[in-house]
C-alpha atoms as a PDB file:
ATOM      1  CA  MET A   1     -19.498 -16.975  29.322  1.00  0.00           C
ATOM      2  CA  THR A   2     -17.927 -17.024  32.776  1.00  0.00           C
ATOM      3  CA  SER A   3     -14.948 -14.705  33.133  1.00  0.00           C
ATOM      4  CA  ILE A   4     -12.235 -15.166  35.720  1.00  0.00           C
ATOM      5  CA  SER A   5      -9.232 -13.114  36.811  1.00  0.00           C
ATOM      6  CA  ILE A   6      -6.510 -15.113  38.557  1.00  0.00           C
ATOM      7  CA  ILE A   7      -4.070 -13.062  40.605  1.00  0.00           C
ATOM      8  CA  GLY A   8      -0.821 -15.021  40.875  1.00  0.00           C
ATOM      9  CA  THR A   9       1.261 -17.173  38.556  1.00  0.00           C
ATOM     10  CA  GLY A  10       2.244 -20.180  40.656  1.00  0.00           C
ATOM     11  CA  LYS A  11       1.175 -23.808  40.556  1.00  0.00           C
ATOM     12  CA  MET A  12      -2.316 -23.178  41.905  1.00  0.00           C
ATOM     13  CA  SER A  13      -2.866 -20.353  39.423  1.00  0.00           C
ATOM     14  CA  SER A  14      -1.925 -22.692  36.591  1.00  0.00           C
ATOM     15  CA  ALA A  15      -4.159 -25.486  37.911  1.00  0.00           C
ATOM     16  CA  ILE A  16      -7.156 -23.175  38.322  1.00  0.00           C
ATOM     17  CA  ALA A  17      -6.534 -21.822  34.822  1.00  0.00           C
ATOM     18  CA  ASP A  18      -6.516 -25.402  33.466  1.00  0.00           C
ATOM     19  CA  MET A  19      -9.803 -26.048  35.247  1.00  0.00           C
ATOM     20  CA  SER A  20     -11.260 -22.782  33.937  1.00  0.00           C
ATOM     21  CA  VAL A  21     -10.308 -23.687  30.365  1.00  0.00           C
ATOM     22  CA  ARG A  22     -12.295 -26.907  30.698  1.00  0.00           C
ATOM     23  CA  ALA A  23     -15.209 -24.822  31.964  1.00  0.00           C
ATOM     24  CA  GLY A  24     -15.017 -22.597  28.884  1.00  0.00           C
ATOM     25  CA  ALA A  25     -14.242 -19.483  30.918  1.00  0.00           C
ATOM     26  CA  ASP A  26     -12.581 -16.322  29.666  1.00  0.00           C
ATOM     27  CA  ILE A  27      -9.283 -16.105  31.589  1.00  0.00           C
ATOM     28  CA  GLN A  28      -7.150 -13.199  32.747  1.00  0.00           C
ATOM     29  CA  ILE A  29      -3.935 -13.822  34.690  1.00  0.00           C
ATOM     30  CA  ILE A  30      -2.402 -11.040  36.758  1.00  0.00           C
ATOM     31  CA  ARG A  31       1.342 -11.056  37.360  1.00  0.00           C
ATOM     32  CA  ARG A  32       3.115  -9.193  40.147  1.00  0.00           C
ATOM     33  CA  ARG A  33       5.067  -7.321  37.489  1.00  0.00           C
ATOM     34  CA  ALA A  34       5.721  -7.637  33.771  1.00  0.00           C
ATOM     35  CA  GLY A  35       7.544 -10.852  32.939  1.00  0.00           C
ATOM     36  CA  ALA A  36       7.192 -12.236  36.483  1.00  0.00           C
ATOM     37  CA  SER A  37       5.898 -15.795  36.282  1.00  0.00           C
ATOM     38  CA  SER A  38       6.871 -19.225  37.565  1.00  0.00           C
ATOM     39  CA  SER A  39       5.115 -20.923  34.637  1.00  0.00           C
ATOM     40  CA  PRO A  40       5.155 -20.470  30.842  1.00  0.00           C
ATOM     41  CA  GLU A  41       2.743 -17.953  29.346  1.00  0.00           C
ATOM     42  CA  ARG A  42      -0.538 -19.543  28.310  1.00  0.00           C
ATOM     43  CA  PRO A  43      -1.998 -18.915  24.835  1.00  0.00           C
ATOM     44  CA  ASP A  44      -5.528 -19.320  26.233  1.00  0.00           C
ATOM     45  CA  ALA A  45      -5.306 -16.410  28.707  1.00  0.00           C
ATOM     46  CA  ARG A  46      -4.815 -12.663  28.657  1.00  0.00           C
ATOM     47  CA  TYR A  47      -2.129 -11.254  30.951  1.00  0.00           C
ATOM     48  CA  GLY A  48      -1.873  -8.139  33.045  1.00  0.00           C
ATOM     49  CA  VAL A  49       0.140  -6.798  35.930  1.00  0.00           C
ATOM     50  CA  MET A  50      -0.899  -5.893  39.453  1.00  0.00           C
ATOM     51  CA  GLY A  51      -3.067  -2.827  39.414  1.00  0.00           C
ATOM     52  CA  ASP A  52      -4.483  -3.444  35.924  1.00  0.00           C
ATOM     53  CA  GLU A  53      -8.269  -3.569  35.668  1.00  0.00           C
ATOM     54  CA  LEU A  54      -9.676  -6.955  36.651  1.00  0.00           C
ATOM     55  CA  THR A  55     -11.896  -8.142  33.806  1.00  0.00           C
ATOM     56  CA  GLY A  56     -13.272 -11.258  35.475  1.00  0.00           C
ATOM     57  CA  ASP A  57     -16.562 -11.489  37.338  1.00  0.00           C
ATOM     58  CA  LEU A  58     -14.751 -14.037  39.522  1.00  0.00           C
ATOM     59  CA  VAL A  59     -11.399 -13.032  41.015  1.00  0.00           C
ATOM     60  CA  VAL A  60      -9.103 -15.702  42.450  1.00  0.00           C
ATOM     61  CA  LEU A  61      -6.497 -14.679  45.024  1.00  0.00           C
ATOM     62  CA  ALA A  62      -3.986 -17.362  44.014  1.00  0.00           C
ATOM     63  CA  VAL A  63      -1.261 -16.019  46.274  1.00  0.00           C
ATOM     64  CA  PRO A  64      -0.022 -16.974  49.764  1.00  0.00           C
ATOM     65  CA  TYR A  65      -2.004 -15.429  52.594  1.00  0.00           C
ATOM     66  CA  GLU A  66       0.870 -13.146  53.556  1.00  0.00           C
ATOM     67  CA  ALA A  67       0.764 -11.622  50.047  1.00  0.00           C
ATOM     68  CA  VAL A  68      -2.968 -10.837  50.083  1.00  0.00           C
ATOM     69  CA  ALA A  69      -2.577  -7.506  51.904  1.00  0.00           C
ATOM     70  CA  ASP A  70      -0.258  -6.238  49.156  1.00  0.00           C
ATOM     71  CA  VAL A  71      -2.714  -7.373  46.471  1.00  0.00           C
ATOM     72  CA  LEU A  72      -5.521  -5.456  48.159  1.00  0.00           C
ATOM     73  CA  THR A  73      -3.459  -2.241  48.210  1.00  0.00           C
ATOM     74  CA  HIS A  74      -3.366  -2.405  44.392  1.00  0.00           C
ATOM     75  CA  TYR A  75      -7.148  -2.745  44.217  1.00  0.00           C
ATOM     76  CA  PRO A  76      -8.668  -0.318  46.741  1.00  0.00           C
ATOM     77  CA  ASP A  77     -11.882  -0.215  44.680  1.00  0.00           C
ATOM     78  CA  GLY A  78     -11.260  -2.760  41.939  1.00  0.00           C
ATOM     79  CA  LEU A  79     -12.808  -5.665  43.835  1.00  0.00           C
ATOM     80  CA  SER A  80     -16.113  -3.957  44.548  1.00  0.00           C
ATOM     81  CA  GLY A  81     -18.986  -6.071  43.262  1.00  0.00           C
ATOM     82  CA  LYS A  82     -16.701  -9.002  42.429  1.00  0.00           C
ATOM     83  CA  VAL A  83     -16.866 -12.574  43.638  1.00  0.00           C
ATOM     84  CA  VAL A  84     -13.470 -12.981  45.323  1.00  0.00           C
ATOM     85  CA  ILE A  85     -12.222 -16.535  45.816  1.00  0.00           C
ATOM     86  CA  ASP A  86      -9.711 -17.005  48.628  1.00  0.00           C
ATOM     87  CA  ILE A  87      -7.682 -20.195  48.213  1.00  0.00           C
ATOM     88  CA  SER A  88      -5.105 -19.521  50.929  1.00  0.00           C
ATOM     89  CA  ASN A  89      -4.058 -21.585  53.914  1.00  0.00           C
ATOM     90  CA  PRO A  90      -2.688 -19.128  56.508  1.00  0.00           C
ATOM     91  CA  ILE A  91       0.059 -21.403  57.808  1.00  0.00           C
ATOM     92  CA  ASP A  92       3.262 -20.303  59.518  1.00  0.00           C
ATOM     93  CA  PHE A  93       5.529 -21.930  56.932  1.00  0.00           C
ATOM     94  CA  THR A  94       8.641 -21.339  59.059  1.00  0.00           C
ATOM     95  CA  THR A  95       7.436 -23.906  61.586  1.00  0.00           C
ATOM     96  CA  PHE A  96       4.420 -25.642  59.976  1.00  0.00           C
ATOM     97  CA  ASP A  97       3.086 -25.521  63.524  1.00  0.00           C
ATOM     98  CA  GLU A  98       0.236 -23.008  63.576  1.00  0.00           C
ATOM     99  CA  LEU A  99      -2.168 -20.828  61.653  1.00  0.00           C
ATOM    100  CA  VAL A 100      -1.403 -17.108  61.612  1.00  0.00           C
ATOM    101  CA  VAL A 101      -4.990 -15.850  61.940  1.00  0.00           C
ATOM    102  CA  PRO A 102      -6.984 -15.531  65.196  1.00  0.00           C
ATOM    103  CA  SER A 103      -8.307 -18.855  66.480  1.00  0.00           C
ATOM    104  CA  ASP A 104     -11.891 -17.650  66.159  1.00  0.00           C
ATOM    105  CA  SER A 105     -11.418 -16.397  62.591  1.00  0.00           C
ATOM    106  CA  SER A 106     -10.008 -17.468  59.225  1.00  0.00           C
ATOM    107  CA  ALA A 107      -8.028 -16.022  56.345  1.00  0.00           C
ATOM    108  CA  ALA A 108     -11.247 -15.700  54.357  1.00  0.00           C
ATOM    109  CA  ALA A 109     -13.012 -13.847  57.177  1.00  0.00           C
ATOM    110  CA  GLU A 110     -10.078 -11.451  57.607  1.00  0.00           C
ATOM    111  CA  ILE A 111     -10.022 -10.767  53.864  1.00  0.00           C
ATOM    112  CA  ALA A 112     -13.783 -10.188  53.841  1.00  0.00           C
ATOM    113  CA  LYS A 113     -13.352  -7.469  56.482  1.00  0.00           C
ATOM    114  CA  ASP A 114     -10.949  -5.629  54.162  1.00  0.00           C
ATOM    115  CA  ILE A 115     -13.193  -5.821  51.067  1.00  0.00           C
ATOM    116  CA  PRO A 116     -16.758  -5.459  52.390  1.00  0.00           C
ATOM    117  CA  ASP A 117     -18.148  -4.593  48.946  1.00  0.00           C
ATOM    118  CA  ALA A 118     -17.000  -7.923  47.485  1.00  0.00           C
ATOM    119  CA  ALA A 119     -18.502 -11.379  48.009  1.00  0.00           C
ATOM    120  CA  VAL A 120     -15.750 -13.587  49.449  1.00  0.00           C
ATOM    121  CA  VAL A 121     -15.903 -17.339  48.881  1.00  0.00           C
ATOM    122  CA  LYS A 122     -13.466 -19.825  50.374  1.00  0.00           C
ATOM    123  CA  ALA A 123     -12.605 -22.533  47.855  1.00  0.00           C
ATOM    124  CA  PHE A 124      -9.758 -24.696  46.507  1.00  0.00           C
ATOM    125  CA  ASN A 125      -7.681 -24.497  49.716  1.00  0.00           C
ATOM    126  CA  ILE A 126      -8.007 -28.246  50.360  1.00  0.00           C
ATOM    127  CA  ASN A 127      -7.230 -29.119  46.725  1.00  0.00           C
ATOM    128  CA  PHE A 128      -3.668 -29.619  45.583  1.00  0.00           C
ATOM    129  CA  GLY A 129      -3.011 -28.238  42.113  1.00  0.00           C
ATOM    130  CA  GLU A 130      -2.537 -31.630  40.472  1.00  0.00           C
ATOM    131  CA  THR A 131      -6.029 -32.767  41.455  1.00  0.00           C
ATOM    132  CA  LEU A 132      -7.596 -29.629  39.975  1.00  0.00           C
ATOM    133  CA  ALA A 133      -5.606 -29.847  36.753  1.00  0.00           C
ATOM    134  CA  SER A 134      -6.351 -33.550  36.241  1.00  0.00           C
ATOM    135  CA  GLY A 135      -9.902 -33.451  37.595  1.00  0.00           C
ATOM    136  CA  THR A 136      -9.324 -36.623  39.581  1.00  0.00           C
ATOM    137  CA  ASN A 137      -8.195 -37.445  43.099  1.00  0.00           C
ATOM    138  CA  GLY A 138      -7.239 -41.028  43.873  1.00  0.00           C
ATOM    139  CA  GLY A 139      -9.309 -42.287  40.979  1.00  0.00           C
ATOM    140  CA  ALA A 140     -12.385 -40.309  42.036  1.00  0.00           C
ATOM    141  CA  ARG A 141     -13.669 -37.043  40.628  1.00  0.00           C
ATOM    142  CA  THR A 142     -12.022 -34.109  42.409  1.00  0.00           C
ATOM    143  CA  THR A 143     -14.311 -32.440  44.952  1.00  0.00           C
ATOM    144  CA  VAL A 144     -14.107 -28.708  45.658  1.00  0.00           C
ATOM    145  CA  VAL A 145     -15.559 -27.739  49.044  1.00  0.00           C
ATOM    146  CA  LEU A 146     -16.497 -24.083  49.398  1.00  0.00           C
ATOM    147  CA  ALA A 147     -17.995 -21.690  51.924  1.00  0.00           C
ATOM    148  CA  GLY A 148     -19.418 -18.196  51.763  1.00  0.00           C
ATOM    149  CA  ASP A 149     -22.204 -15.915  52.911  1.00  0.00           C
ATOM    150  CA  ASP A 150     -23.421 -14.754  49.498  1.00  0.00           C
ATOM    151  CA  ALA A 151     -25.656 -17.366  47.852  1.00  0.00           C
ATOM    152  CA  ASP A 152     -25.284 -15.973  44.334  1.00  0.00           C
ATOM    153  CA  ALA A 153     -21.503 -15.875  44.669  1.00  0.00           C
ATOM    154  CA  LYS A 154     -21.419 -19.526  45.688  1.00  0.00           C
ATOM    155  CA  ILE A 155     -23.705 -20.442  42.793  1.00  0.00           C
ATOM    156  CA  ALA A 156     -21.239 -18.775  40.406  1.00  0.00           C
ATOM    157  CA  VAL A 157     -18.273 -20.686  41.840  1.00  0.00           C
ATOM    158  CA  ILE A 158     -20.191 -23.970  41.832  1.00  0.00           C
ATOM    159  CA  ALA A 159     -21.142 -23.403  38.183  1.00  0.00           C
ATOM    160  CA  LEU A 160     -17.475 -22.910  37.252  1.00  0.00           C
ATOM    161  CA  VAL A 161     -16.374 -26.020  39.132  1.00  0.00           C
ATOM    162  CA  GLU A 162     -19.101 -28.231  37.710  1.00  0.00           C
ATOM    163  CA  ALA A 163     -18.594 -26.935  34.167  1.00  0.00           C
ATOM    164  CA  ALA A 164     -14.980 -28.099  34.509  1.00  0.00           C
ATOM    165  CA  GLY A 165     -16.196 -31.609  35.328  1.00  0.00           C
ATOM    166  CA  LEU A 166     -15.449 -31.459  39.055  1.00  0.00           C
ATOM    167  CA  ARG A 167     -17.782 -31.941  41.992  1.00  0.00           C
ATOM    168  CA  ALA A 168     -18.681 -28.952  44.177  1.00  0.00           C
ATOM    169  CA  VAL A 169     -19.964 -29.145  47.755  1.00  0.00           C
ATOM    170  CA  ASP A 170     -21.291 -26.125  49.639  1.00  0.00           C
ATOM    171  CA  ALA A 171     -20.076 -26.336  53.258  1.00  0.00           C
ATOM    172  CA  GLY A 172     -22.213 -23.399  54.385  1.00  0.00           C
ATOM    173  CA  PRO A 173     -21.472 -19.841  55.527  1.00  0.00           C
ATOM    174  CA  LEU A 174     -18.075 -18.166  55.463  1.00  0.00           C
ATOM    175  CA  SER A 175     -17.597 -19.114  59.114  1.00  0.00           C
ATOM    176  CA  ARG A 176     -16.974 -22.663  57.871  1.00  0.00           C
ATOM    177  CA  ALA A 177     -13.763 -21.396  56.252  1.00  0.00           C
ATOM    178  CA  ARG A 178     -12.124 -21.889  59.641  1.00  0.00           C
ATOM    179  CA  GLU A 179     -12.686 -25.647  59.422  1.00  0.00           C
ATOM    180  CA  LEU A 180     -11.624 -25.753  55.771  1.00  0.00           C
ATOM    181  CA  GLU A 181      -8.376 -23.987  56.644  1.00  0.00           C
ATOM    182  CA  ALA A 182      -7.755 -26.416  59.504  1.00  0.00           C
ATOM    183  CA  LEU A 183      -8.209 -29.266  57.030  1.00  0.00           C
ATOM    184  CA  GLY A 184      -5.871 -27.555  54.567  1.00  0.00           C
ATOM    185  CA  PHE A 185      -3.339 -27.107  57.376  1.00  0.00           C
ATOM    186  CA  LEU A 186      -3.457 -30.835  58.165  1.00  0.00           C
ATOM    187  CA  GLN A 187      -3.186 -31.828  54.515  1.00  0.00           C
ATOM    188  CA  ILE A 188      -0.186 -29.589  53.810  1.00  0.00           C
ATOM    189  CA  THR A 189       1.580 -30.629  57.008  1.00  0.00           C
ATOM    190  CA  MET A 190       1.139 -34.315  56.164  1.00  0.00           C
ATOM    191  CA  ALA A 191       2.491 -33.772  52.655  1.00  0.00           C
ATOM    192  CA  ALA A 192       5.453 -31.773  53.991  1.00  0.00           C
ATOM    193  CA  LEU A 193       6.257 -34.701  56.307  1.00  0.00           C
ATOM    194  CA  ALA A 194       5.963 -37.126  53.364  1.00  0.00           C
ATOM    195  CA  LYS A 195       2.997 -38.864  54.991  1.00  0.00           C
ATOM    196  CA  THR A 196       1.060 -38.212  51.780  1.00  0.00           C
ATOM    197  CA  SER A 197       2.055 -36.948  48.343  1.00  0.00           C
ATOM    198  CA  TRP A 198       1.614 -33.487  46.866  1.00  0.00           C
ATOM    199  CA  ASP A 199      -0.646 -34.912  44.141  1.00  0.00           C
ATOM    200  CA  SER A 200      -3.055 -36.558  46.577  1.00  0.00           C
ATOM    201  CA  GLY A 201      -5.543 -34.958  48.929  1.00  0.00           C
ATOM    202  CA  PHE A 202      -8.663 -35.677  50.926  1.00  0.00           C
ATOM    203  CA  ALA A 203     -11.585 -37.092  48.965  1.00  0.00           C
ATOM    204  CA  LEU A 204     -15.214 -36.560  49.948  1.00  0.00           C
ATOM    205  CA  VAL A 205     -17.159 -39.740  49.273  1.00  0.00           C
ATOM    206  CA  PRO A 206     -20.830 -39.201  48.338  1.00  0.00           C
END
């Protein structure tokens, strides 16, 4: 059975947990502190607080990019050997006008530098939570596009996504995270301007 630890308790955490339930995964959810959650406690997951041992083979950083550094301080060695899934879009949310990582890098690449003993995969950053929870996007099956340098890590993420009934597309090495984050930036900006809705998203047509 696939096991997954989701760090964060927001909308994306809940949506990824819903998806993981459909995939039959064993789920752990990590809160910032005891009782801290923006969603009701799930009966199908075990809960912990930041710093507790991560029981999942897959670890999802379901927190904003600016919160990742704090997460990593709680797990100086706890992510070693794990598949770490970065879902963040490193947007300056005060202006919605730029990304806050170097133009030749990405959030995923910066995170990978900090946890060299983990296999970082970029995924879910161009999926709004509603499309993951429902499994559909505009009437089509939700597509999860991912990128990473470790082939086995990507296989594990693809297996989770497909077991949940979604479509997975491998975009290539982790360097492609830069393009995925640019696409996430565009999607979020358009939704913030009410050009699209928060339950929509880009669909990849086969």
